[in-house]
């Protein structure tokens, strides 16, 4: 067990707790790091990973002001994200001589993180983070015990699953020539080539959705052979099949060029 703990503080924020990571800090305000324990012969602070601004692809420039002091400052906090810092102490055998002489901790600085897992922003773990981000949460009220896995789990169960549920999961862009009539697929995503019997387009999702509780969005396009349809109707037949009928200005079934997007098909 480490002989020392790191306490994280920032002006304008509640006092930190020894050995507890934080995710409530602001950018543009220095972070104070304190070694709790000892006395020790020496201290050595270092930044293992710091935040990366993914929008500008710029790495933060934070540095330790006094790397050999028991209390130091990390500045500037100029990028929103996760910072991972390390402290080595000399408890009698040299700096960082044993595993108990080395401790790491993380903190997040930036805009407040979303409470719900399917909302942004969510924290992005540091590149070399393991279990250092031990901020308490509802699952681990005494401190997150699984580190980055908790954060990534929220991403996949929340943000990624929301996109998977709501965003289009299949789609097709087709044209129809009056001769035949002949249906041609311009582009397809998880859909087979639709068939057209002169009245109804039958569209097949491949692989099928878990159920038939999905929606279909139709975008008609100007057709060389059929012009622009007046209106259309969609019938969801099953977890893998839906039908589309287009109508011309005389309300008669007609062919069309169109794009179909299918989404909200997950249970």
Protein backbone atom coordinates (compact mmCIF):
# COMPACT_ATOMS: atom_id res chain seq x y z
CA UNK A 1 0.00 0.00 0.00
CA UNK A 2 1.42 3.43 -0.94
CA UNK A 3 2.98 5.33 1.93
CA UNK A 4 1.77 8.67 0.57
CA UNK A 5 -1.45 10.07 -0.84
CA UNK A 6 -2.09 12.99 -3.19
CA UNK A 7 -4.57 15.72 -2.34
CA UNK A 8 -5.97 17.84 -5.19
CA UNK A 9 -7.15 21.41 -4.63
CA UNK A 10 -8.20 24.37 -6.75
CA UNK A 11 -9.17 27.90 -5.78
CA UNK A 12 -12.93 28.34 -5.64
CA UNK A 13 -13.60 24.63 -5.17
CA UNK A 14 -14.27 22.56 -2.02
CA UNK A 15 -11.14 21.13 -0.36
CA UNK A 16 -9.89 17.88 -1.83
CA UNK A 17 -9.56 14.61 0.05
CA UNK A 18 -6.27 12.70 0.29
CA UNK A 19 -6.12 9.88 -2.26
CA UNK A 20 -9.41 10.80 -3.96
CA UNK A 21 -9.52 11.81 -7.63
CA UNK A 22 -11.64 14.74 -8.80
CA UNK A 23 -13.77 15.64 -11.78
CA UNK A 24 -15.15 19.03 -10.69
CA UNK A 25 -12.24 21.30 -11.59
CA UNK A 26 -12.14 24.23 -14.02
CA UNK A 27 -9.70 25.08 -16.76
CA UNK A 28 -7.66 28.30 -16.59
CA UNK A 29 -7.24 27.86 -12.82
CA UNK A 30 -4.07 26.33 -11.35
CA UNK A 31 -4.29 23.00 -9.55
CA UNK A 32 -2.50 22.52 -6.22
CA UNK A 33 -1.09 19.05 -5.52
CA UNK A 34 -0.10 18.10 -1.96
CA UNK A 35 1.68 15.03 -0.60
CA UNK A 36 -0.11 13.67 2.47
CA UNK A 37 2.03 11.43 4.69
CA UNK A 38 5.58 11.31 5.84
CA UNK A 39 7.84 12.96 6.65
CA UNK A 40 9.92 11.82 3.68
CA UNK A 41 13.42 12.67 2.54
CA UNK A 42 12.48 13.68 -1.03
CA UNK A 43 9.51 14.15 -3.38
CA UNK A 44 9.35 14.00 -7.16
CA UNK A 45 6.24 15.05 -9.10
CA UNK A 46 5.59 14.33 -12.77
CA UNK A 47 2.76 14.56 -15.30
CA UNK A 48 2.09 11.14 -16.83
CA UNK A 49 -0.72 12.25 -19.17
CA UNK A 50 -2.52 15.51 -19.67
CA UNK A 51 -5.65 16.59 -21.44
CA UNK A 52 -5.83 16.68 -25.22
CA UNK A 53 -8.11 19.14 -27.01
CA UNK A 54 -9.53 16.85 -29.69
CA UNK A 55 -11.17 19.73 -31.58
CA UNK A 56 -7.85 21.46 -32.22
CA UNK A 57 -5.69 18.33 -31.83
CA UNK A 58 -3.56 20.26 -29.34
CA UNK A 59 -2.04 18.75 -26.22
CA UNK A 60 -2.24 20.73 -22.99
CA UNK A 61 0.94 22.38 -21.77
CA UNK A 62 0.51 21.94 -18.00
CA UNK A 63 3.74 21.45 -16.06
CA UNK A 64 4.81 20.96 -12.46
CA UNK A 65 6.11 24.21 -10.95
CA UNK A 66 8.10 22.67 -8.07
CA UNK A 67 8.73 19.00 -8.86
CA UNK A 68 10.80 18.36 -5.70
CA UNK A 69 8.50 19.97 -3.11
CA UNK A 70 5.88 18.27 -0.93
CA UNK A 71 3.27 20.70 -2.30
CA UNK A 72 3.35 21.96 -5.84
CA UNK A 73 1.25 23.60 -8.54
CA UNK A 74 0.24 22.24 -11.93
CA UNK A 75 -0.16 25.05 -14.45
CA UNK A 76 -1.53 26.06 -16.89
CA UNK A 77 -4.71 24.03 -16.95
CA UNK A 78 -5.30 25.01 -20.56
CA UNK A 79 -7.08 21.99 -22.04
CA UNK A 80 -10.33 20.36 -21.00
CA UNK A 81 -9.96 16.70 -20.10
CA UNK A 82 -8.26 14.22 -17.80
CA UNK A 83 -4.86 14.77 -16.20
CA UNK A 84 -2.82 11.93 -14.67
CA UNK A 85 -0.09 12.90 -12.21
CA UNK A 86 2.47 10.86 -10.31
CA UNK A 87 4.33 11.36 -7.06
CA UNK A 88 7.47 9.46 -6.04
CA UNK A 89 8.80 9.76 -2.50
CA UNK A 90 11.98 8.70 -0.74
CA UNK A 91 10.96 6.86 2.40
CA UNK A 92 14.50 5.75 3.09
CA UNK A 93 15.65 3.70 0.11
CA UNK A 94 15.64 6.36 -2.63
CA UNK A 95 13.08 8.10 -4.80
CA UNK A 96 10.44 5.64 -6.00
CA UNK A 97 12.52 2.71 -4.78
CA UNK A 98 9.51 0.48 -4.08
CA UNK A 99 5.92 0.26 -5.28
CA UNK A 100 4.84 1.79 -1.96
CA UNK A 101 6.92 4.90 -2.79
CA UNK A 102 4.93 5.69 -5.96
CA UNK A 103 1.36 6.90 -6.25
CA UNK A 104 -0.75 8.22 -9.13
CA UNK A 105 -4.05 10.06 -9.31
CA UNK A 106 -6.27 11.68 -11.93
CA UNK A 107 -8.46 14.74 -12.15
CA UNK A 108 -10.80 16.10 -14.79
CA UNK A 109 -10.91 19.82 -15.55
CA UNK A 110 -13.38 21.40 -17.95
CA UNK A 111 -17.08 21.94 -18.50
CA UNK A 112 -19.27 20.05 -16.00
CA UNK A 113 -19.76 16.41 -16.95
CA UNK A 114 -23.24 15.17 -17.81
CA UNK A 115 -25.05 13.25 -15.08
CA UNK A 116 -26.95 10.96 -17.46
CA UNK A 117 -24.76 8.44 -19.33
CA UNK A 118 -26.43 9.15 -22.69
CA UNK A 119 -25.66 12.88 -22.58
CA UNK A 120 -22.43 14.73 -23.36
CA UNK A 121 -19.89 15.63 -22.19
CA UNK A 122 -18.58 12.40 -20.70
CA UNK A 123 -15.06 12.08 -19.36
CA UNK A 124 -12.37 10.61 -21.62
CA UNK A 125 -9.86 8.55 -19.60
CA UNK A 126 -6.17 9.39 -19.66
CA UNK A 127 -4.02 7.23 -21.94
CA UNK A 128 -2.20 5.45 -19.08
CA UNK A 129 -5.04 5.46 -16.59
CA UNK A 130 -5.99 2.27 -14.75
CA UNK A 131 -7.89 2.63 -11.47
CA UNK A 132 -6.59 6.07 -10.50
CA UNK A 133 -9.90 7.84 -11.22
CA UNK A 134 -11.57 6.70 -8.00
CA UNK A 135 -14.25 9.40 -7.81
CA UNK A 136 -17.29 8.09 -5.86
CA UNK A 137 -20.38 7.32 -7.93
CA UNK A 138 -23.76 5.63 -7.30
CA UNK A 139 -22.35 2.18 -8.10
CA UNK A 140 -19.25 2.73 -5.96
CA UNK A 141 -20.21 5.27 -3.25
CA UNK A 142 -16.92 4.72 -1.43
CA UNK A 143 -14.92 5.38 -4.58
CA UNK A 144 -14.85 4.01 -8.13
CA UNK A 145 -12.99 0.70 -7.89
CA UNK A 146 -12.80 -0.15 -11.61
CA UNK A 147 -11.25 3.06 -12.93
CA UNK A 148 -11.42 3.66 -16.66
CA UNK A 149 -13.77 0.69 -17.16
CA UNK A 150 -16.56 2.61 -15.41
CA UNK A 151 -16.09 5.57 -17.73
CA UNK A 152 -15.96 3.46 -20.90
CA UNK A 153 -18.97 1.48 -19.71
CA UNK A 154 -20.95 4.72 -19.48
CA UNK A 155 -19.89 5.66 -23.00
CA UNK A 156 -21.08 2.36 -24.48
CA UNK A 157 -24.23 1.96 -22.39
CA UNK A 158 -25.11 5.63 -22.71
CA UNK A 159 -23.86 7.70 -25.62
CA UNK A 160 -23.07 4.88 -28.07
CA UNK A 161 -26.27 2.98 -27.30
CA UNK A 162 -28.33 6.14 -27.75
CA UNK A 163 -26.79 6.71 -31.18
CA UNK A 164 -27.31 3.04 -32.02
CA UNK A 165 -30.96 3.15 -30.95
CA UNK A 166 -32.01 6.43 -32.50
CA UNK A 167 -29.76 7.00 -35.52
CA UNK A 168 -30.46 5.34 -38.88
CA UNK A 169 -29.48 1.70 -38.72
CA UNK A 170 -30.14 0.81 -42.35
CA UNK A 171 -30.71 2.68 -45.57
CA UNK A 172 -30.98 2.48 -49.34
CA UNK A 173 -30.88 4.96 -52.23
CA UNK A 174 -32.56 3.70 -55.40
CA UNK A 175 -33.64 4.80 -58.87
CA UNK A 176 -36.47 3.33 -60.93
CA UNK A 177 -36.70 3.24 -64.72
CA UNK A 178 -40.16 2.98 -66.31
CA UNK A 179 -39.00 0.22 -68.64
CA UNK A 180 -39.55 -3.02 -66.79
CA UNK A 181 -39.89 -1.19 -64.38
CA UNK A 182 -36.28 -1.64 -63.33
CA UNK A 183 -35.02 -0.80 -59.82
CA UNK A 184 -31.33 0.09 -59.44
CA UNK A 185 -29.54 0.49 -56.13
CA UNK A 186 -27.26 3.52 -55.95
CA UNK A 187 -26.15 2.77 -52.42
CA UNK A 188 -27.30 0.38 -49.68
CA UNK A 189 -26.49 0.03 -46.00
CA UNK A 190 -27.73 -3.16 -44.33
CA UNK A 191 -30.47 -3.51 -46.94
CA UNK A 192 -31.05 -5.75 -49.94
CA UNK A 193 -32.14 -4.49 -53.34
CA UNK A 194 -35.85 -3.53 -53.18
CA UNK A 195 -38.38 -5.01 -55.60
CA UNK A 196 -41.12 -3.05 -57.37
CA UNK A 197 -44.25 -4.59 -58.91
CA UNK A 198 -45.50 -1.36 -60.45
CA UNK A 199 -47.40 -0.43 -57.30
CA UNK A 200 -45.44 -1.37 -54.20
CA UNK A 201 -41.76 -1.27 -53.30
CA UNK A 202 -40.80 -4.15 -51.00
CA UNK A 203 -37.67 -3.35 -49.00
CA UNK A 204 -35.69 -5.87 -46.96
CA UNK A 205 -33.43 -5.07 -43.99
CA UNK A 206 -30.45 -7.40 -43.70
CA UNK A 207 -29.74 -8.37 -40.96
CA UNK A 208 -33.24 -7.97 -39.51
CA UNK A 209 -33.98 -5.73 -36.55
CA UNK A 210 -34.86 -7.37 -33.20
CA UNK A 211 -38.50 -6.38 -33.70
CA UNK A 212 -40.83 -4.36 -35.94
CA UNK A 213 -40.85 -1.28 -33.69
CA UNK A 214 -38.80 0.83 -36.08
CA UNK A 215 -39.47 3.86 -38.20
CA UNK A 216 -38.86 4.55 -41.88
CA UNK A 217 -37.99 7.99 -43.23
CA UNK A 218 -38.46 8.52 -46.97
CA UNK A 219 -36.78 11.23 -49.06
CA UNK A 220 -38.14 11.30 -52.64
CA UNK A 221 -35.89 12.51 -55.46
CA UNK A 222 -36.73 13.90 -58.89
CA UNK A 223 -36.97 10.99 -61.31
CA UNK A 224 -36.22 11.19 -65.02
CA UNK A 225 -38.99 8.65 -65.73
CA UNK A 226 -41.54 9.45 -63.03
CA UNK A 227 -40.92 13.04 -61.97
CA UNK A 228 -41.63 13.88 -58.33
CA UNK A 229 -44.25 11.92 -56.36
CA UNK A 230 -47.10 13.82 -54.72
CA UNK A 231 -47.10 11.70 -51.57
CA UNK A 232 -46.27 8.24 -50.27
CA UNK A 233 -47.18 5.71 -47.59
CA UNK A 234 -45.07 3.24 -45.60
CA UNK A 235 -46.19 -0.08 -44.17
CA UNK A 236 -43.90 -1.90 -41.69
CA UNK A 237 -44.57 -5.58 -42.36
CA UNK A 238 -42.05 -7.30 -40.09
CA UNK A 239 -38.68 -6.96 -38.39
CA UNK A 240 -37.03 -7.22 -41.81
CA UNK A 241 -39.56 -5.99 -44.38
CA UNK A 242 -41.34 -2.71 -45.05
CA UNK A 243 -43.33 -1.53 -48.05
CA UNK A 244 -43.52 1.87 -49.74
CA UNK A 245 -46.17 3.11 -52.18
CA UNK A 246 -45.77 6.41 -54.05
CA UNK A 247 -48.64 8.38 -55.58
CA UNK A 248 -48.62 10.85 -58.48
CA UNK A 249 -50.69 14.03 -58.82
CA UNK A 250 -53.70 11.95 -59.86
CA UNK A 251 -53.32 9.85 -56.66
CA UNK A 252 -52.36 6.79 -58.69
CA UNK A 253 -49.48 4.52 -57.61
CA UNK A 254 -46.26 5.43 -59.37
CA UNK A 255 -42.58 4.67 -59.44
CA UNK A 256 -39.99 6.92 -57.84
CA UNK A 257 -36.38 7.61 -57.07
CA UNK A 258 -35.94 7.77 -53.30
CA UNK A 259 -33.79 7.27 -50.21
CA UNK A 260 -35.10 5.29 -47.24
CA UNK A 261 -33.57 5.49 -43.75
CA UNK A 262 -34.56 3.03 -41.04
CA UNK A 263 -33.92 3.57 -37.35
CA UNK A 264 -35.04 3.04 -33.74
CA UNK A 265 -35.01 -0.68 -34.27
CA UNK A 266 -33.30 -1.81 -31.07
CA UNK A 267 -35.22 -3.08 -28.10
